[in-house]
Amino acid sequence: MAKLQLSIAIGPYDRMRPLVDGEVQIDAVDPQFMLLEPEEIFFRAFRHEAFDICELSLSSYSVRVAKGDSPYIAVPVFPSRAFRHTCIVVRTDRGIARPEDLRGKRIGIPEYQLTANVWARAILEEEYGVRPAEITWVRGGYDTPGRVEKISLNLPPGVVIENAPEGATISGMLAAGELDGVMGPRAPSCFERGDPDIDWLFPDPTAAAQAWFRKTRIFPVMHVLGIRRTLVERHPWLPAAVQKAFEKSKAVALAKLADTSATKVTLPFVEESLRAARRLMGEDFFSYGLSENRHVFDWFLRHHHAQGLSSRLLVPEELFHPSTLESHKI
């Protein structure tokens, strides 16, 4: 039987390299990998269903699952996980010394429903009592004008979203003092250039994230891995095969990362950082699978619905193909 030739769009992460390089194989699949930035993958997937298998924004995917019209079904593989205390930068001349000071401020966002922003708003509300309706949100591209939401939104009463003026960007508006801050998955370019009037909301975001993890045991999931639903209907063995291969690829990547005889990434202190992560979060700190991460999805889906993004409160099992929720044992 000929192997299925499938397009797979993912980011260029170390945990994907064993698959991309052919060191790890997906059973009965001939993969055609495309290494793309998340924004391109998500836009093409949700607007045009462009890929057979791809990373999906957890937030956008949850919206579509709640509506019952998702063209993809996910497996519990999480290509991207990240703490989001680095998600918010603010102007230092606006009297913003703590999260509670964001009330009444104008905060730029690339899109309201981005997964990183769902997590950041949830942390602001649950930990500091700052509700989304207490902030005015200004939507625009980081450095390219005219960015729009990938999906339609039906937000709760009181939540105000304005579009950035025509031709304006949220990075430019922040630098010019027209915004008090920016929230998003990447820092605005004015912050990266070292603008002295712009800094993180949390002075030490790593320490804040570590403290939050000790309290909640949550390592936020950003992306899931989706398979075109029509493919799964024709090939019901595919989700489990994909999950198995991506699990193995991650294991190979972590084994290589732990071999510090020659550092695998262009960053000092890798060995120390790896040991610190495992002391804080456990041996498999970047875990896949629903059973190990049910509390993460329960927390996220509760806030996603409360923020008016999913039309109903989802349960985690609804996100994933049933065949990936259990596995054989030897």
C-alpha atoms as a PDB file:
ATOM      1  CA  MET A   1       0.000   0.000   0.000  1.00  0.00           C
ATOM      2  CA  ALA A   2       1.344   3.427  -0.937  1.00  0.00           C
ATOM      3  CA  LYS A   3       1.945   5.833   1.898  1.00  0.00           C
ATOM      4  CA  LEU A   4      -0.360   8.813   2.337  1.00  0.00           C
ATOM      5  CA  GLN A   5       1.325  11.947   1.027  1.00  0.00           C
ATOM      6  CA  LEU A   6       0.266  14.677   3.446  1.00  0.00           C
ATOM      7  CA  SER A   7       1.156  18.339   3.861  1.00  0.00           C
ATOM      8  CA  ILE A   8       2.261  19.197   7.405  1.00  0.00           C
ATOM      9  CA  ALA A   9       2.689  22.833   8.474  1.00  0.00           C
ATOM     10  CA  ILE A  10       4.552  23.365  11.731  1.00  0.00           C
ATOM     11  CA  GLY A  11       7.033  25.762  13.276  1.00  0.00           C
ATOM     12  CA  PRO A  12      10.803  25.118  13.126  1.00  0.00           C
ATOM     13  CA  TYR A  13      11.054  23.850  16.709  1.00  0.00           C
ATOM     14  CA  ASP A  14      13.701  21.480  18.062  1.00  0.00           C
ATOM     15  CA  ARG A  15      10.957  19.036  19.074  1.00  0.00           C
ATOM     16  CA  MET A  16       9.916  18.782  15.405  1.00  0.00           C
ATOM     17  CA  ARG A  17      13.398  18.351  13.885  1.00  0.00           C
ATOM     18  CA  PRO A  18      13.569  14.548  14.244  1.00  0.00           C
ATOM     19  CA  LEU A  19      10.377  14.332  12.171  1.00  0.00           C
ATOM     20  CA  VAL A  20      11.446  16.927   9.617  1.00  0.00           C
ATOM     21  CA  ASP A  21      14.886  15.317   9.228  1.00  0.00           C
ATOM     22  CA  GLY A  22      13.380  11.843   8.784  1.00  0.00           C
ATOM     23  CA  GLU A  23      14.837  10.439  11.997  1.00  0.00           C
ATOM     24  CA  VAL A  24      11.293   9.718  13.194  1.00  0.00           C
ATOM     25  CA  GLN A  25       8.596   8.438  10.832  1.00  0.00           C
ATOM     26  CA  ILE A  26       4.804   8.655  10.910  1.00  0.00           C
ATOM     27  CA  ASP A  27       3.383   5.194  10.221  1.00  0.00           C
ATOM     28  CA  ALA A  28       2.150   4.885   6.608  1.00  0.00           C
ATOM     29  CA  VAL A  29       2.637   8.601   5.881  1.00  0.00           C
ATOM     30  CA  ASP A  30       4.929  10.354   3.420  1.00  0.00           C
ATOM     31  CA  PRO A  31       5.059  13.843   4.993  1.00  0.00           C
ATOM     32  CA  GLN A  32       5.647  17.031   3.057  1.00  0.00           C
ATOM     33  CA  PHE A  33       6.794  19.457   5.759  1.00  0.00           C
ATOM     34  CA  MET A  34       6.412  23.211   5.571  1.00  0.00           C
ATOM     35  CA  LEU A  35       8.192  25.176   8.297  1.00  0.00           C
ATOM     36  CA  LEU A  36       6.208  28.381   8.707  1.00  0.00           C
ATOM     37  CA  GLU A  37       5.535  31.075  11.279  1.00  0.00           C
ATOM     38  CA  PRO A  38       2.403  30.517  13.386  1.00  0.00           C
ATOM     39  CA  GLU A  39       0.566  33.565  12.016  1.00  0.00           C
ATOM     40  CA  GLU A  40       0.847  32.236   8.461  1.00  0.00           C
ATOM     41  CA  ILE A  41      -0.178  28.712   9.432  1.00  0.00           C
ATOM     42  CA  PHE A  42      -3.236  29.856  11.368  1.00  0.00           C
ATOM     43  CA  PHE A  43      -4.398  32.312   8.726  1.00  0.00           C
ATOM     44  CA  ARG A  44      -4.138  29.780   5.918  1.00  0.00           C
ATOM     45  CA  ALA A  45      -5.638  26.963   7.991  1.00  0.00           C
ATOM     46  CA  PHE A  46      -8.701  28.807   9.274  1.00  0.00           C
ATOM     47  CA  ARG A  47      -9.341  30.887   6.162  1.00  0.00           C
ATOM     48  CA  HIS A  48      -8.515  28.322   3.468  1.00  0.00           C
ATOM     49  CA  GLU A  49      -8.064  24.903   5.136  1.00  0.00           C
ATOM     50  CA  ALA A  50      -4.720  24.839   3.376  1.00  0.00           C
ATOM     51  CA  PHE A  51      -2.972  21.916   5.116  1.00  0.00           C
ATOM     52  CA  ASP A  52      -3.620  18.249   5.871  1.00  0.00           C
ATOM     53  CA  ILE A  53      -1.959  18.454   9.289  1.00  0.00           C
ATOM     54  CA  CYS A  54      -0.936  21.659  11.032  1.00  0.00           C
ATOM     55  CA  GLU A  55      -0.497  23.618  14.203  1.00  0.00           C
ATOM     56  CA  LEU A  56      -3.668  25.346  15.308  1.00  0.00           C
ATOM     57  CA  SER A  57      -4.216  28.227  17.686  1.00  0.00           C
ATOM     58  CA  LEU A  58      -5.887  26.697  20.736  1.00  0.00           C
ATOM     59  CA  SER A  59      -8.214  29.688  21.038  1.00  0.00           C
ATOM     60  CA  SER A  60      -9.283  29.785  17.381  1.00  0.00           C
ATOM     61  CA  TYR A  61      -9.738  26.028  17.348  1.00  0.00           C
ATOM     62  CA  SER A  62     -11.865  26.143  20.519  1.00  0.00           C
ATOM     63  CA  VAL A  63     -14.111  28.786  18.927  1.00  0.00           C
ATOM     64  CA  ARG A  64     -14.703  26.551  15.909  1.00  0.00           C
ATOM     65  CA  VAL A  65     -15.275  23.412  17.999  1.00  0.00           C
ATOM     66  CA  ALA A  66     -17.882  25.226  20.093  1.00  0.00           C
ATOM     67  CA  LYS A  67     -19.636  26.330  16.896  1.00  0.00           C
ATOM     68  CA  GLY A  68     -19.431  22.801  15.487  1.00  0.00           C
ATOM     69  CA  ASP A  69     -17.758  23.816  12.232  1.00  0.00           C
ATOM     70  CA  SER A  70     -14.050  23.041  12.697  1.00  0.00           C
ATOM     71  CA  PRO A  71     -12.503  21.534   9.551  1.00  0.00           C
ATOM     72  CA  TYR A  72      -9.767  20.018  11.746  1.00  0.00           C
ATOM     73  CA  ILE A  73      -9.785  17.569  14.639  1.00  0.00           C
ATOM     74  CA  ALA A  74      -6.907  17.864  17.090  1.00  0.00           C
ATOM     75  CA  VAL A  75      -4.638  15.337  18.717  1.00  0.00           C
ATOM     76  CA  PRO A  76      -3.169  16.153  22.165  1.00  0.00           C
ATOM     77  CA  VAL A  77       0.204  17.209  20.812  1.00  0.00           C
ATOM     78  CA  PHE A  78       1.161  20.731  21.840  1.00  0.00           C
ATOM     79  CA  PRO A  79       3.745  22.237  19.485  1.00  0.00           C
ATOM     80  CA  SER A  80       3.891  25.445  21.518  1.00  0.00           C
ATOM     81  CA  ARG A  81       3.589  26.023  25.262  1.00  0.00           C
ATOM     82  CA  ALA A  82       4.666  29.233  26.977  1.00  0.00           C
ATOM     83  CA  PHE A  83       4.189  31.201  30.142  1.00  0.00           C
ATOM     84  CA  ARG A  84       2.593  34.520  29.263  1.00  0.00           C
ATOM     85  CA  HIS A  85       3.810  36.888  31.960  1.00  0.00           C
ATOM     86  CA  THR A  86       6.006  38.342  29.192  1.00  0.00           C
ATOM     87  CA  CYS A  87       2.860  38.988  27.150  1.00  0.00           C
ATOM     88  CA  ILE A  88       2.269  42.546  28.355  1.00  0.00           C
ATOM     89  CA  VAL A  89       4.555  45.549  27.903  1.00  0.00           C
ATOM     90  CA  VAL A  90       3.612  49.026  29.118  1.00  0.00           C
ATOM     91  CA  ARG A  91       4.788  52.590  28.990  1.00  0.00           C
ATOM     92  CA  THR A  92       6.726  53.514  32.113  1.00  0.00           C
ATOM     93  CA  ASP A  93       5.377  57.095  32.119  1.00  0.00           C
ATOM     94  CA  ARG A  94       1.708  56.135  32.739  1.00  0.00           C
ATOM     95  CA  GLY A  95       1.816  55.229  36.422  1.00  0.00           C
ATOM     96  CA  ILE A  96       1.513  51.502  35.744  1.00  0.00           C
ATOM     97  CA  ALA A  97       3.412  49.883  38.586  1.00  0.00           C
ATOM     98  CA  ARG A  98       1.279  46.739  39.026  1.00  0.00           C
ATOM     99  CA  PRO A  99      -1.357  44.803  37.068  1.00  0.00           C
ATOM    100  CA  GLU A 100      -4.239  46.578  38.847  1.00  0.00           C
ATOM    101  CA  ASP A 101      -3.036  49.852  37.293  1.00  0.00           C
ATOM    102  CA  LEU A 102      -4.179  48.647  33.865  1.00  0.00           C
ATOM    103  CA  ARG A 103      -7.763  49.577  34.707  1.00  0.00           C
ATOM    104  CA  GLY A 104      -8.905  52.401  32.433  1.00  0.00           C
ATOM    105  CA  LYS A 105      -5.883  52.086  30.140  1.00  0.00           C
ATOM    106  CA  ARG A 106      -5.694  51.649  26.356  1.00  0.00           C
ATOM    107  CA  ILE A 107      -3.925  48.427  25.452  1.00  0.00           C
ATOM    108  CA  GLY A 108      -3.005  47.444  21.905  1.00  0.00           C
ATOM    109  CA  ILE A 109      -3.601  43.884  20.685  1.00  0.00           C
ATOM    110  CA  PRO A 110      -2.901  42.180  17.345  1.00  0.00           C
ATOM    111  CA  GLU A 111      -6.119  40.158  17.784  1.00  0.00           C
ATOM    112  CA  TYR A 112      -8.455  39.801  20.754  1.00  0.00           C
ATOM    113  CA  GLN A 113      -8.935  36.051  20.518  1.00  0.00           C
ATOM    114  CA  LEU A 114      -5.248  35.056  20.296  1.00  0.00           C
ATOM    115  CA  THR A 115      -4.456  32.234  22.699  1.00  0.00           C
ATOM    116  CA  ALA A 116      -1.693  34.203  24.409  1.00  0.00           C
ATOM    117  CA  ASN A 117      -4.138  37.036  25.080  1.00  0.00           C
ATOM    118  CA  VAL A 118      -6.757  34.668  26.487  1.00  0.00           C
ATOM    119  CA  TRP A 119      -4.190  33.369  28.964  1.00  0.00           C
ATOM    120  CA  ALA A 120      -2.929  36.867  29.840  1.00  0.00           C
ATOM    121  CA  ARG A 121      -6.441  38.275  30.403  1.00  0.00           C
ATOM    122  CA  ALA A 122      -7.336  35.223  32.493  1.00  0.00           C
ATOM    123  CA  ILE A 123      -4.291  35.755  34.714  1.00  0.00           C
ATOM    124  CA  LEU A 124      -5.106  39.445  35.096  1.00  0.00           C
ATOM    125  CA  GLU A 125      -8.677  38.655  36.123  1.00  0.00           C
ATOM    126  CA  GLU A 126      -8.110  35.630  38.335  1.00  0.00           C
ATOM    127  CA  GLU A 127      -4.948  36.798  40.086  1.00  0.00           C
ATOM    128  CA  TYR A 128      -5.419  40.590  40.177  1.00  0.00           C
ATOM    129  CA  GLY A 129      -9.150  41.212  39.698  1.00  0.00           C
ATOM    130  CA  VAL A 130      -8.708  43.170  36.449  1.00  0.00           C
ATOM    131  CA  ARG A 131     -11.639  42.375  34.144  1.00  0.00           C
ATOM    132  CA  PRO A 132     -11.437  42.685  30.323  1.00  0.00           C
ATOM    133  CA  ALA A 133     -14.238  45.295  30.362  1.00  0.00           C
ATOM    134  CA  GLU A 134     -12.060  47.578  32.498  1.00  0.00           C
ATOM    135  CA  ILE A 135      -9.556  48.047  29.643  1.00  0.00           C
ATOM    136  CA  THR A 136     -10.041  49.603  26.218  1.00  0.00           C
ATOM    137  CA  TRP A 137      -8.546  47.287  23.597  1.00  0.00           C
ATOM    138  CA  VAL A 138      -7.084  48.702  20.375  1.00  0.00           C
ATOM    139  CA  ARG A 139      -6.633  46.168  17.597  1.00  0.00           C
ATOM    140  CA  GLY A 140      -4.004  46.450  14.849  1.00  0.00           C
ATOM    141  CA  GLY A 141      -0.955  44.831  13.312  1.00  0.00           C
ATOM    142  CA  TYR A 142       2.313  44.959  15.200  1.00  0.00           C
ATOM    143  CA  ASP A 143       4.216  46.602  12.363  1.00  0.00           C
ATOM    144  CA  THR A 144       1.885  46.141   9.396  1.00  0.00           C
ATOM    145  CA  PRO A 145      -1.413  48.100   9.348  1.00  0.00           C
ATOM    146  CA  GLY A 146      -4.761  46.460   8.758  1.00  0.00           C
ATOM    147  CA  ARG A 147      -4.564  43.205  10.698  1.00  0.00           C
ATOM    148  CA  VAL A 148      -8.028  41.758  11.407  1.00  0.00           C
ATOM    149  CA  GLU A 149      -9.428  38.925  13.523  1.00  0.00           C
ATOM    150  CA  LYS A 150      -9.191  35.555  11.788  1.00  0.00           C
ATOM    151  CA  ILE A 151     -12.615  34.586  13.130  1.00  0.00           C
ATOM    152  CA  SER A 152     -15.770  36.498  14.017  1.00  0.00           C
ATOM    153  CA  LEU A 153     -16.334  37.362  17.674  1.00  0.00           C
ATOM    154  CA  ASN A 154     -19.413  37.828  19.852  1.00  0.00           C
ATOM    155  CA  LEU A 155     -18.005  39.495  22.962  1.00  0.00           C
ATOM    156  CA  PRO A 156     -19.725  40.079  26.327  1.00  0.00           C
ATOM    157  CA  PRO A 157     -21.383  43.444  27.043  1.00  0.00           C
ATOM    158  CA  GLY A 158     -18.967  46.105  28.188  1.00  0.00           C
ATOM    159  CA  VAL A 159     -15.916  44.832  26.320  1.00  0.00           C
ATOM    160  CA  VAL A 160     -14.712  47.638  24.052  1.00  0.00           C
ATOM    161  CA  ILE A 161     -12.468  46.956  21.036  1.00  0.00           C
ATOM    162  CA  GLU A 162     -11.403  49.775  18.725  1.00  0.00           C
ATOM    163  CA  ASN A 163      -9.502  49.387  15.482  1.00  0.00           C
ATOM    164  CA  ALA A 164      -6.209  51.227  15.179  1.00  0.00           C
ATOM    165  CA  PRO A 165      -6.475  54.244  12.858  1.00  0.00           C
ATOM    166  CA  GLU A 166      -5.937  53.512   9.182  1.00  0.00           C
ATOM    167  CA  GLY A 167      -2.246  53.187   8.451  1.00  0.00           C
ATOM    168  CA  ALA A 168      -1.286  52.899  12.148  1.00  0.00           C
ATOM    169  CA  THR A 169       0.359  49.979  13.948  1.00  0.00           C
ATOM    170  CA  ILE A 170       0.190  49.106  17.635  1.00  0.00           C
ATOM    171  CA  SER A 171       3.982  49.203  17.944  1.00  0.00           C
ATOM    172  CA  GLY A 172       4.065  52.671  16.423  1.00  0.00           C
ATOM    173  CA  MET A 173       1.175  53.865  18.589  1.00  0.00           C
ATOM    174  CA  LEU A 174       2.874  52.561  21.735  1.00  0.00           C
ATOM    175  CA  ALA A 175       6.140  54.297  20.853  1.00  0.00           C
ATOM    176  CA  ALA A 176       4.274  57.543  20.145  1.00  0.00           C
ATOM    177  CA  GLY A 177       2.431  57.424  23.471  1.00  0.00           C
ATOM    178  CA  GLU A 178      -0.971  56.794  21.858  1.00  0.00           C
ATOM    179  CA  LEU A 179      -1.308  53.507  23.786  1.00  0.00           C
ATOM    180  CA  ASP A 180      -0.509  52.686  27.387  1.00  0.00           C
ATOM    181  CA  GLY A 181       0.645  49.163  26.614  1.00  0.00           C
ATOM    182  CA  VAL A 182       0.522  46.203  24.239  1.00  0.00           C
ATOM    183  CA  MET A 183      -0.558  42.611  24.904  1.00  0.00           C
ATOM    184  CA  GLY A 184       0.356  39.847  22.504  1.00  0.00           C
ATOM    185  CA  PRO A 185       2.378  36.686  21.827  1.00  0.00           C
ATOM    186  CA  ARG A 186       5.442  38.629  20.723  1.00  0.00           C
ATOM    187  CA  ALA A 187       6.909  41.873  21.989  1.00  0.00           C
ATOM    188  CA  PRO A 188       6.345  44.991  19.853  1.00  0.00           C
ATOM    189  CA  SER A 189       9.340  46.152  17.849  1.00  0.00           C
ATOM    190  CA  CYS A 190       9.693  49.378  19.847  1.00  0.00           C
ATOM    191  CA  PHE A 191      10.301  47.266  22.968  1.00  0.00           C
ATOM    192  CA  GLU A 192      12.814  45.079  21.135  1.00  0.00           C
ATOM    193  CA  ARG A 193      14.676  48.208  20.013  1.00  0.00           C
ATOM    194  CA  GLY A 194      15.137  49.150  23.659  1.00  0.00           C
ATOM    195  CA  ASP A 195      12.802  52.158  23.923  1.00  0.00           C
ATOM    196  CA  PRO A 196      13.541  53.497  27.444  1.00  0.00           C
ATOM    197  CA  ASP A 197       9.876  54.373  28.054  1.00  0.00           C
ATOM    198  CA  ILE A 198       8.614  50.814  27.503  1.00  0.00           C
ATOM    199  CA  ASP A 199       9.080  47.809  29.779  1.00  0.00           C
ATOM    200  CA  TRP A 200       7.415  44.580  30.884  1.00  0.00           C
ATOM    201  CA  LEU A 201       4.382  44.888  33.136  1.00  0.00           C
ATOM    202  CA  PHE A 202       5.962  42.271  35.421  1.00  0.00           C
ATOM    203  CA  PRO A 203       9.496  43.483  36.247  1.00  0.00           C
ATOM    204  CA  ASP A 204      10.711  39.869  36.542  1.00  0.00           C
ATOM    205  CA  PRO A 205       8.308  37.869  34.376  1.00  0.00           C
ATOM    206  CA  THR A 206      10.204  34.605  34.882  1.00  0.00           C
ATOM    207  CA  ALA A 207       9.891  34.822  38.673  1.00  0.00           C
ATOM    208  CA  ALA A 208       6.195  35.760  38.337  1.00  0.00           C
ATOM    209  CA  ALA A 209       5.554  32.792  36.037  1.00  0.00           C
ATOM    210  CA  GLN A 210       7.386  30.390  38.338  1.00  0.00           C
ATOM    211  CA  ALA A 211       5.360  31.563  41.332  1.00  0.00           C
ATOM    212  CA  TRP A 212       2.129  31.189  39.350  1.00  0.00           C
ATOM    213  CA  PHE A 213       3.110  27.672  38.267  1.00  0.00           C
ATOM    214  CA  ARG A 214       3.829  26.659  41.870  1.00  0.00           C
ATOM    215  CA  LYS A 215       0.333  27.859  42.750  1.00  0.00           C
ATOM    216  CA  THR A 216      -1.599  26.443  39.782  1.00  0.00           C
ATOM    217  CA  ARG A 217       0.634  23.722  38.259  1.00  0.00           C
ATOM    218  CA  ILE A 218      -0.356  25.154  34.866  1.00  0.00           C
ATOM    219  CA  PHE A 219       2.058  25.373  31.924  1.00  0.00           C
ATOM    220  CA  PRO A 220      -0.092  27.140  29.303  1.00  0.00           C
ATOM    221  CA  VAL A 221      -0.771  25.373  26.012  1.00  0.00           C
ATOM    222  CA  MET A 222      -0.669  27.723  23.021  1.00  0.00           C
ATOM    223  CA  HIS A 223      -1.098  25.413  20.033  1.00  0.00           C
ATOM    224  CA  VAL A 224      -2.577  22.001  19.326  1.00  0.00           C
ATOM    225  CA  LEU A 225      -1.968  19.787  16.305  1.00  0.00           C
ATOM    226  CA  GLY A 226      -4.905  19.433  13.935  1.00  0.00           C
ATOM    227  CA  ILE A 227      -5.671  16.895  11.221  1.00  0.00           C
ATOM    228  CA  ARG A 228      -8.113  17.584   8.425  1.00  0.00           C
ATOM    229  CA  ARG A 229     -11.389  16.034   9.548  1.00  0.00           C
ATOM    230  CA  THR A 230     -12.192  14.503   6.164  1.00  0.00           C
ATOM    231  CA  LEU A 231      -8.841  12.683   6.225  1.00  0.00           C
ATOM    232  CA  VAL A 232      -9.565  11.198   9.632  1.00  0.00           C
ATOM    233  CA  GLU A 233     -12.961   9.994   8.454  1.00  0.00           C
ATOM    234  CA  ARG A 234     -11.246   8.086   5.614  1.00  0.00           C
ATOM    235  CA  HIS A 235      -8.268   6.922   7.703  1.00  0.00           C
ATOM    236  CA  PRO A 236      -9.306   6.451  11.355  1.00  0.00           C
ATOM    237  CA  TRP A 237      -5.856   5.074  12.219  1.00  0.00           C
ATOM    238  CA  LEU A 238      -4.200   8.404  11.379  1.00  0.00           C
ATOM    239  CA  PRO A 239      -4.659  10.393  14.641  1.00  0.00           C
ATOM    240  CA  ALA A 240      -2.980   7.750  16.809  1.00  0.00           C
ATOM    241  CA  ALA A 241      -0.149   7.357  14.291  1.00  0.00           C
ATOM    242  CA  VAL A 242       0.449  11.099  14.237  1.00  0.00           C
ATOM    243  CA  GLN A 243       0.384  11.392  18.013  1.00  0.00           C
ATOM    244  CA  LYS A 244       2.838   8.509  18.435  1.00  0.00           C
ATOM    245  CA  ALA A 245       5.322  10.035  15.999  1.00  0.00           C
ATOM    246  CA  PHE A 246       5.189  13.520  17.493  1.00  0.00           C
ATOM    247  CA  GLU A 247       5.631  12.067  20.998  1.00  0.00           C
ATOM    248  CA  LYS A 248       8.722  10.180  19.824  1.00  0.00           C
ATOM    249  CA  SER A 249      10.103  13.252  18.075  1.00  0.00           C
ATOM    250  CA  LYS A 250       9.847  15.275  21.276  1.00  0.00           C
ATOM    251  CA  ALA A 251      11.552  12.528  23.278  1.00  0.00           C
ATOM    252  CA  VAL A 252      14.450  12.456  20.816  1.00  0.00           C
ATOM    253  CA  ALA A 253      14.770  16.248  20.970  1.00  0.00           C
ATOM    254  CA  LEU A 254      14.843  16.262  24.782  1.00  0.00           C
ATOM    255  CA  ALA A 255      17.476  13.528  24.841  1.00  0.00           C
ATOM    256  CA  LYS A 256      19.656  15.604  22.534  1.00  0.00           C
ATOM    257  CA  LEU A 257      19.071  18.720  24.618  1.00  0.00           C
ATOM    258  CA  ALA A 258      20.232  16.876  27.734  1.00  0.00           C
ATOM    259  CA  ASP A 259      23.480  15.817  26.033  1.00  0.00           C
ATOM    260  CA  THR A 260      25.575  18.870  26.816  1.00  0.00           C
ATOM    261  CA  SER A 261      28.905  17.478  25.633  1.00  0.00           C
ATOM    262  CA  ALA A 262      28.257  19.852  22.725  1.00  0.00           C
ATOM    263  CA  THR A 263      25.460  22.369  23.210  1.00  0.00           C
ATOM    264  CA  LYS A 264      22.601  21.852  20.734  1.00  0.00           C
ATOM    265  CA  VAL A 265      21.171  25.373  20.967  1.00  0.00           C
ATOM    266  CA  THR A 266      22.859  28.736  20.616  1.00  0.00           C
ATOM    267  CA  LEU A 267      22.366  29.761  24.217  1.00  0.00           C
ATOM    268  CA  PRO A 268      24.524  29.549  27.348  1.00  0.00           C
ATOM    269  CA  PHE A 269      23.450  27.811  30.580  1.00  0.00           C
ATOM    270  CA  VAL A 270      21.299  25.244  28.775  1.00  0.00           C
ATOM    271  CA  GLU A 271      22.158  22.433  31.187  1.00  0.00           C
ATOM    272  CA  GLU A 272      21.363  24.574  34.227  1.00  0.00           C
ATOM    273  CA  SER A 273      18.077  25.770  32.691  1.00  0.00           C
ATOM    274  CA  LEU A 274      17.015  22.214  31.848  1.00  0.00           C
ATOM    275  CA  ARG A 275      17.694  21.003  35.370  1.00  0.00           C
ATOM    276  CA  ALA A 276      15.891  24.000  36.871  1.00  0.00           C
ATOM    277  CA  ALA A 277      12.830  23.366  34.681  1.00  0.00           C
ATOM    278  CA  ARG A 278      12.698  19.731  35.768  1.00  0.00           C
ATOM    279  CA  ARG A 279      13.094  20.634  39.445  1.00  0.00           C
ATOM    280  CA  LEU A 280      10.155  23.030  39.166  1.00  0.00           C
ATOM    281  CA  MET A 281       7.895  21.202  36.716  1.00  0.00           C
ATOM    282  CA  GLY A 282       8.872  17.548  36.674  1.00  0.00           C
ATOM    283  CA  GLU A 283      10.796  15.302  34.304  1.00  0.00           C
ATOM    284  CA  ASP A 284       8.332  15.589  31.398  1.00  0.00           C
ATOM    285  CA  PHE A 285       7.779  19.331  31.722  1.00  0.00           C
ATOM    286  CA  PHE A 286       6.646  19.712  28.081  1.00  0.00           C
ATOM    287  CA  SER A 287       4.101  16.897  28.313  1.00  0.00           C
ATOM    288  CA  TYR A 288       1.660  15.888  25.593  1.00  0.00           C
ATOM    289  CA  GLY A 289      -1.586  14.001  26.179  1.00  0.00           C
ATOM    290  CA  LEU A 290      -4.863  15.034  27.790  1.00  0.00           C
ATOM    291  CA  SER A 291      -4.633  13.080  31.037  1.00  0.00           C
ATOM    292  CA  GLU A 292      -1.481  14.922  32.124  1.00  0.00           C
ATOM    293  CA  ASN A 293      -2.938  18.280  31.090  1.00  0.00           C
ATOM    294  CA  ARG A 294      -6.639  18.091  31.917  1.00  0.00           C
ATOM    295  CA  HIS A 295      -6.340  20.817  34.570  1.00  0.00           C
ATOM    296  CA  VAL A 296      -4.666  23.098  31.991  1.00  0.00           C
ATOM    297  CA  PHE A 297      -7.548  22.707  29.548  1.00  0.00           C
ATOM    298  CA  ASP A 298     -10.232  22.959  32.234  1.00  0.00           C
ATOM    299  CA  TRP A 299      -8.769  26.324  33.325  1.00  0.00           C
ATOM    300  CA  PHE A 300      -8.324  27.626  29.798  1.00  0.00           C
ATOM    301  CA  LEU A 301     -11.754  26.585  28.510  1.00  0.00           C
ATOM    302  CA  ARG A 302     -13.504  28.105  31.530  1.00  0.00           C
ATOM    303  CA  HIS A 303     -11.889  31.478  30.859  1.00  0.00           C
ATOM    304  CA  HIS A 304     -12.265  31.184  27.080  1.00  0.00           C
ATOM    305  CA  HIS A 305     -16.024  30.842  27.507  1.00  0.00           C
ATOM    306  CA  ALA A 306     -16.209  33.560  30.168  1.00  0.00           C
ATOM    307  CA  GLN A 307     -14.375  35.944  27.828  1.00  0.00           C
ATOM    308  CA  GLY A 308     -17.138  35.407  25.254  1.00  0.00           C
ATOM    309  CA  LEU A 309     -15.006  33.536  22.741  1.00  0.00           C
ATOM    310  CA  SER A 310     -16.483  30.020  22.799  1.00  0.00           C
ATOM    311  CA  SER A 311     -20.254  30.033  22.446  1.00  0.00           C
ATOM    312  CA  ARG A 312     -20.597  27.294  25.063  1.00  0.00           C
ATOM    313  CA  LEU A 313     -18.408  25.835  27.776  1.00  0.00           C
ATOM    314  CA  LEU A 314     -16.416  22.997  26.228  1.00  0.00           C
ATOM    315  CA  VAL A 315     -15.065  19.970  28.032  1.00  0.00           C
ATOM    316  CA  PRO A 316     -11.495  18.992  27.121  1.00  0.00           C
ATOM    317  CA  GLU A 317     -12.446  15.695  25.458  1.00  0.00           C
ATOM    318  CA  GLU A 318     -14.366  17.599  22.767  1.00  0.00           C
ATOM    319  CA  LEU A 319     -11.112  19.036  21.443  1.00  0.00           C
ATOM    320  CA  PHE A 320      -9.408  15.729  20.622  1.00  0.00           C
ATOM    321  CA  HIS A 321     -10.004  12.661  18.507  1.00  0.00           C
ATOM    322  CA  PRO A 322     -11.278   9.820  20.749  1.00  0.00           C
ATOM    323  CA  SER A 323      -8.543   7.400  19.620  1.00  0.00           C
ATOM    324  CA  THR A 324      -5.879   9.672  21.159  1.00  0.00           C
ATOM    325  CA  LEU A 325      -7.381   9.682  24.645  1.00  0.00           C
ATOM    326  CA  GLU A 326      -6.193   6.176  25.511  1.00  0.00           C
ATOM    327  CA  SER A 327      -3.238   4.028  24.518  1.00  0.00           C
ATOM    328  CA  HIS A 328      -2.154   0.422  24.688  1.00  0.00           C
ATOM    329  CA  LYS A 329       0.103  -0.809  27.471  1.00  0.00           C
ATOM    330  CA  ILE A 330       2.655  -3.617  27.485  1.00  0.00           C
END
